[in-house]
């Protein structure tokens, strides 16, 4: 990770769970890290887990990634304030438990697509503008899901609604980004990291109870995988990484 010391990383959905773990770990490696979220107080609270001399390298910025104009404004400010963006971690994502065949499901469907797909696309677009302008080696990481890699039968559990299709979209988008970055002639890597079940706030207490027999990853496990991906030498690109808990039945 020495190559990223004093470089700038942006992490979406950094207020809790996987995003919070990644933001803290990036700061510990020496990166200037901007955590995007709607709950700024939660990002500020993360600083107490960091060494005192590094706490100033974690910056909390409010951004609702379901709003394109807000994304444009925030990323433009980051580029000006921090002289470029070198790493983008598209972590923000939501899960809603309802069936596609239900009549009253338009709100959760739109929320999931706007966050998991459109937010990721627009954040990457704006980060690319900064990466292209400054011309440094850069890396984009999409936090995907095992649900975006293979069909999973969960008939005994509540419906996952549009969540798996949204993650399948991320899998396809990752390959499209790889091709577009190559055509851009800039040295920008892109990686899809697909965890299995991770114990985070994305699951309601009821869902966790129903999945009690399934093994879970911790947020720090995913964060360490992200550091591994970022730590590869310039000539190596890990395009897809799947990480699951040992003994998973999914």
Protein backbone atom coordinates (compact mmCIF):
# COMPACT_ATOMS: atom_id res chain seq x y z
CA UNK A 1 0.00 0.00 0.00
CA UNK A 2 3.05 2.26 0.02
CA UNK A 3 2.12 3.47 -3.49
CA UNK A 4 -1.03 5.10 -2.07
CA UNK A 5 0.54 6.97 0.85
CA UNK A 6 -0.68 10.59 0.98
CA UNK A 7 -2.97 9.92 -2.00
CA UNK A 8 -6.71 10.63 -1.91
CA UNK A 9 -9.47 8.03 -1.48
CA UNK A 10 -13.23 8.50 -1.53
CA UNK A 11 -15.47 5.94 0.20
CA UNK A 12 -19.23 6.04 -0.27
CA UNK A 13 -21.50 4.80 2.50
CA UNK A 14 -18.70 5.31 5.00
CA UNK A 15 -20.80 5.85 8.12
CA UNK A 16 -21.08 2.19 9.18
CA UNK A 17 -20.35 -1.41 8.33
CA UNK A 18 -18.03 -2.22 5.44
CA UNK A 19 -17.63 1.42 4.42
CA UNK A 20 -16.57 2.48 7.91
CA UNK A 21 -14.06 -0.38 8.13
CA UNK A 22 -12.58 0.50 4.74
CA UNK A 23 -12.36 4.22 5.54
CA UNK A 24 -10.47 3.55 8.79
CA UNK A 25 -8.12 1.04 7.18
CA UNK A 26 -7.29 3.38 4.31
CA UNK A 27 -6.40 6.14 6.77
CA UNK A 28 -4.16 3.72 8.66
CA UNK A 29 -2.26 2.97 5.45
CA UNK A 30 -1.51 6.67 5.05
CA UNK A 31 -4.24 7.72 2.63
CA UNK A 32 -6.21 10.95 2.87
CA UNK A 33 -9.72 9.55 3.05
CA UNK A 34 -13.02 11.29 2.37
CA UNK A 35 -16.02 9.41 3.73
CA UNK A 36 -19.32 10.18 2.03
CA UNK A 37 -22.59 9.56 3.86
CA UNK A 38 -25.78 11.21 5.00
CA UNK A 39 -24.89 10.68 8.69
CA UNK A 40 -21.76 12.76 9.15
CA UNK A 41 -21.69 12.35 12.92
CA UNK A 42 -21.09 8.63 12.47
CA UNK A 43 -18.02 9.22 10.29
CA UNK A 44 -16.70 11.77 12.75
CA UNK A 45 -17.11 9.16 15.51
CA UNK A 46 -14.80 6.81 13.61
CA UNK A 47 -11.86 9.08 14.34
CA UNK A 48 -11.65 7.83 17.93
CA UNK A 49 -10.57 4.44 16.55
CA UNK A 50 -7.64 6.01 14.70
CA UNK A 51 -4.20 7.00 16.00
CA UNK A 52 -4.23 10.67 17.04
CA UNK A 53 -1.72 11.70 14.38
CA UNK A 54 -3.93 10.22 11.63
CA UNK A 55 -7.35 11.47 12.70
CA UNK A 56 -7.00 14.60 10.57
CA UNK A 57 -6.76 12.43 7.45
CA UNK A 58 -10.37 11.27 7.71
CA UNK A 59 -12.84 13.81 6.34
CA UNK A 60 -16.62 13.49 6.59
CA UNK A 61 -18.62 14.91 3.68
CA UNK A 62 -22.38 14.80 3.37
CA UNK A 63 -23.63 13.29 0.12
CA UNK A 64 -26.82 11.50 -0.90
CA UNK A 65 -25.71 9.35 -3.83
CA UNK A 66 -29.27 8.94 -5.06
CA UNK A 67 -29.10 12.60 -6.17
CA UNK A 68 -26.98 13.13 -9.27
CA UNK A 69 -26.60 16.88 -8.85
CA UNK A 70 -25.33 16.37 -5.29
CA UNK A 71 -22.76 13.82 -6.50
CA UNK A 72 -21.49 16.24 -9.16
CA UNK A 73 -21.17 19.08 -6.66
CA UNK A 74 -19.43 16.98 -3.98
CA UNK A 75 -16.91 15.33 -6.31
CA UNK A 76 -16.07 18.65 -7.91
CA UNK A 77 -15.40 20.09 -4.43
CA UNK A 78 -13.21 17.11 -3.48
CA UNK A 79 -11.18 17.47 -6.66
CA UNK A 80 -10.56 21.17 -5.98
CA UNK A 81 -9.96 20.82 -2.23
CA UNK A 82 -7.70 17.75 -2.31
CA UNK A 83 -6.06 18.16 -5.75
CA UNK A 84 -7.55 15.04 -7.26
CA UNK A 85 -9.09 11.64 -6.50
CA UNK A 86 -6.90 8.54 -6.74
CA UNK A 87 -9.07 5.76 -5.29
CA UNK A 88 -12.86 5.40 -5.29
CA UNK A 89 -14.58 2.75 -3.17
CA UNK A 90 -18.20 2.42 -4.25
CA UNK A 91 -19.51 0.84 -1.08
CA UNK A 92 -22.93 2.46 -0.53
CA UNK A 93 -25.74 -0.01 -0.99
CA UNK A 94 -29.15 -0.84 0.43
CA UNK A 95 -31.31 -3.93 0.80
CA UNK A 96 -35.09 -4.09 0.99
CA UNK A 97 -37.11 -7.23 1.72
CA UNK A 98 -40.21 -7.35 -0.41
CA UNK A 99 -41.41 -9.30 -3.42
CA UNK A 100 -41.25 -8.10 -7.01
CA UNK A 101 -44.77 -9.40 -7.56
CA UNK A 102 -46.24 -7.28 -4.77
CA UNK A 103 -48.41 -4.42 -5.95
CA UNK A 104 -46.95 -1.90 -3.50
CA UNK A 105 -43.23 -2.20 -4.19
CA UNK A 106 -42.29 0.72 -6.45
CA UNK A 107 -40.58 2.71 -3.67
CA UNK A 108 -38.14 -0.02 -2.51
CA UNK A 109 -37.36 -0.96 -6.12
CA UNK A 110 -36.46 2.61 -7.03
CA UNK A 111 -34.47 3.10 -3.81
CA UNK A 112 -32.34 0.04 -4.53
CA UNK A 113 -31.70 0.88 -8.18
CA UNK A 114 -30.97 4.54 -7.43
CA UNK A 115 -28.45 3.61 -4.72
CA UNK A 116 -26.88 0.33 -5.83
CA UNK A 117 -26.70 1.06 -9.56
CA UNK A 118 -27.20 4.69 -10.51
CA UNK A 119 -25.27 6.07 -7.53
CA UNK A 120 -22.34 3.80 -8.34
CA UNK A 121 -22.37 4.81 -12.01
CA UNK A 122 -22.53 8.55 -11.32
CA UNK A 123 -19.88 8.46 -8.56
CA UNK A 124 -17.54 6.59 -10.88
CA UNK A 125 -18.20 9.02 -13.70
CA UNK A 126 -17.33 12.00 -11.52
CA UNK A 127 -14.27 10.31 -10.00
CA UNK A 128 -13.04 9.44 -13.49
CA UNK A 129 -13.17 13.11 -14.47
CA UNK A 130 -10.72 13.85 -11.65
CA UNK A 131 -8.53 10.80 -12.39
CA UNK A 132 -8.39 11.74 -16.06
CA UNK A 133 -7.48 15.34 -15.31
CA UNK A 134 -4.60 14.51 -12.98
CA UNK A 135 -3.29 11.50 -14.90
CA UNK A 136 -2.03 9.47 -11.93
CA UNK A 137 -2.40 5.71 -11.45
CA UNK A 138 -5.85 5.22 -9.96
CA UNK A 139 -8.20 2.46 -8.83
CA UNK A 140 -11.98 2.06 -8.60
CA UNK A 141 -13.42 -0.68 -6.37
CA UNK A 142 -17.09 -1.68 -6.53
CA UNK A 143 -18.36 -3.45 -3.42
CA UNK A 144 -20.57 -6.01 -5.11
CA UNK A 145 -22.16 -9.14 -3.57
CA UNK A 146 -22.23 -12.89 -3.93
CA UNK A 147 -25.82 -12.23 -5.02
CA UNK A 148 -24.41 -10.53 -8.10
CA UNK A 149 -22.34 -13.55 -9.12
CA UNK A 150 -24.62 -16.59 -9.14
CA UNK A 151 -28.28 -17.56 -8.74
CA UNK A 152 -28.96 -18.33 -5.10
CA UNK A 153 -32.00 -20.28 -3.95
CA UNK A 154 -33.43 -18.79 -0.77
CA UNK A 155 -36.99 -20.05 -0.86
CA UNK A 156 -37.09 -20.39 2.93
CA UNK A 157 -36.19 -16.70 3.39
CA UNK A 158 -38.03 -13.46 2.52
CA UNK A 159 -37.67 -12.21 -1.03
CA UNK A 160 -34.58 -10.18 -1.88
CA UNK A 161 -36.62 -8.05 -4.23
CA UNK A 162 -34.49 -6.22 -6.81
CA UNK A 163 -31.26 -6.51 -4.77
CA UNK A 164 -29.73 -9.46 -6.70
CA UNK A 165 -30.49 -7.88 -10.10
CA UNK A 166 -28.93 -4.63 -8.89
CA UNK A 167 -25.75 -6.52 -7.99
CA UNK A 168 -25.76 -8.44 -11.27
CA UNK A 169 -25.76 -5.00 -12.88
CA UNK A 170 -22.64 -4.09 -10.87
CA UNK A 171 -20.90 -7.20 -12.21
CA UNK A 172 -21.62 -6.13 -15.78
CA UNK A 173 -20.79 -2.48 -15.07
CA UNK A 174 -17.39 -3.51 -13.70
CA UNK A 175 -16.44 -5.09 -17.03
CA UNK A 176 -17.76 -2.09 -18.97
CA UNK A 177 -15.69 0.21 -16.76
CA UNK A 178 -12.60 -1.94 -17.37
CA UNK A 179 -13.04 -1.60 -21.12
CA UNK A 180 -13.75 2.13 -20.97
CA UNK A 181 -10.74 2.81 -18.73
CA UNK A 182 -8.49 0.95 -21.18
CA UNK A 183 -9.85 2.99 -24.07
CA UNK A 184 -9.27 6.18 -22.10
CA UNK A 185 -5.49 5.44 -22.16
CA UNK A 186 -5.29 6.19 -18.44
CA UNK A 187 -3.90 3.73 -15.90
CA UNK A 188 -7.12 3.18 -13.95
CA UNK A 189 -7.87 -0.25 -12.52
CA UNK A 190 -11.34 -1.47 -11.58
CA UNK A 191 -12.26 -4.32 -9.25
CA UNK A 192 -15.50 -5.94 -8.18
CA UNK A 193 -15.32 -7.31 -4.61
CA UNK A 194 -18.22 -9.68 -3.93
CA UNK A 195 -18.67 -10.70 -0.28
CA UNK A 196 -21.01 -13.37 0.96
CA UNK A 197 -23.15 -12.57 3.99
CA UNK A 198 -21.62 -9.80 6.10
CA UNK A 199 -22.98 -8.85 9.51
CA UNK A 200 -23.85 -5.17 8.99
CA UNK A 201 -26.77 -2.78 9.44
CA UNK A 202 -28.06 -3.77 6.00
CA UNK A 203 -29.82 -6.69 7.69
CA UNK A 204 -32.73 -6.10 10.03
CA UNK A 205 -32.77 -7.99 13.37
CA UNK A 206 -35.54 -10.18 11.93
CA UNK A 207 -33.43 -11.07 8.89
CA UNK A 208 -30.43 -11.91 11.07
CA UNK A 209 -32.63 -14.19 13.16
CA UNK A 210 -33.86 -16.00 10.05
CA UNK A 211 -30.27 -16.40 8.85
CA UNK A 212 -28.98 -17.50 12.24
CA UNK A 213 -27.66 -20.82 10.91
CA UNK A 214 -25.59 -19.14 8.18
CA UNK A 215 -21.96 -18.14 8.79
CA UNK A 216 -21.18 -14.45 8.38
CA UNK A 217 -18.16 -12.36 7.45
CA UNK A 218 -17.18 -9.29 9.46
CA UNK A 219 -16.77 -5.87 7.86
CA UNK A 220 -13.03 -5.97 8.58
CA UNK A 221 -12.73 -9.13 6.44
CA UNK A 222 -14.03 -7.27 3.40
CA UNK A 223 -11.86 -4.26 4.17
CA UNK A 224 -8.73 -6.41 4.27
CA UNK A 225 -9.67 -7.83 0.87
CA UNK A 226 -9.97 -4.31 -0.50
CA UNK A 227 -6.50 -3.47 0.82
CA UNK A 228 -5.17 -6.61 -0.87
CA UNK A 229 -6.68 -5.54 -4.19
CA UNK A 230 -5.30 -2.01 -3.89
CA UNK A 231 -1.90 -3.32 -2.90
CA UNK A 232 -1.21 -5.13 -6.16
CA UNK A 233 1.65 -3.79 -8.32
CA UNK A 234 0.78 -1.53 -11.28
CA UNK A 235 0.92 -4.38 -13.83
CA UNK A 236 -1.57 -6.55 -11.88
CA UNK A 237 -5.34 -5.98 -11.90
CA UNK A 238 -7.65 -8.14 -9.79
CA UNK A 239 -10.85 -7.76 -11.75
CA UNK A 240 -13.16 -10.00 -9.70
CA UNK A 241 -12.75 -11.10 -6.08
CA UNK A 242 -15.28 -13.27 -4.24
CA UNK A 243 -14.96 -13.63 -0.47
CA UNK A 244 -17.32 -15.89 1.51
CA UNK A 245 -17.42 -17.17 5.09
CA UNK A 246 -16.14 -20.71 5.51
CA UNK A 247 -19.00 -23.18 5.55
CA UNK A 248 -21.41 -20.92 3.65
CA UNK A 249 -24.40 -22.72 2.15
CA UNK A 250 -25.18 -19.88 -0.26
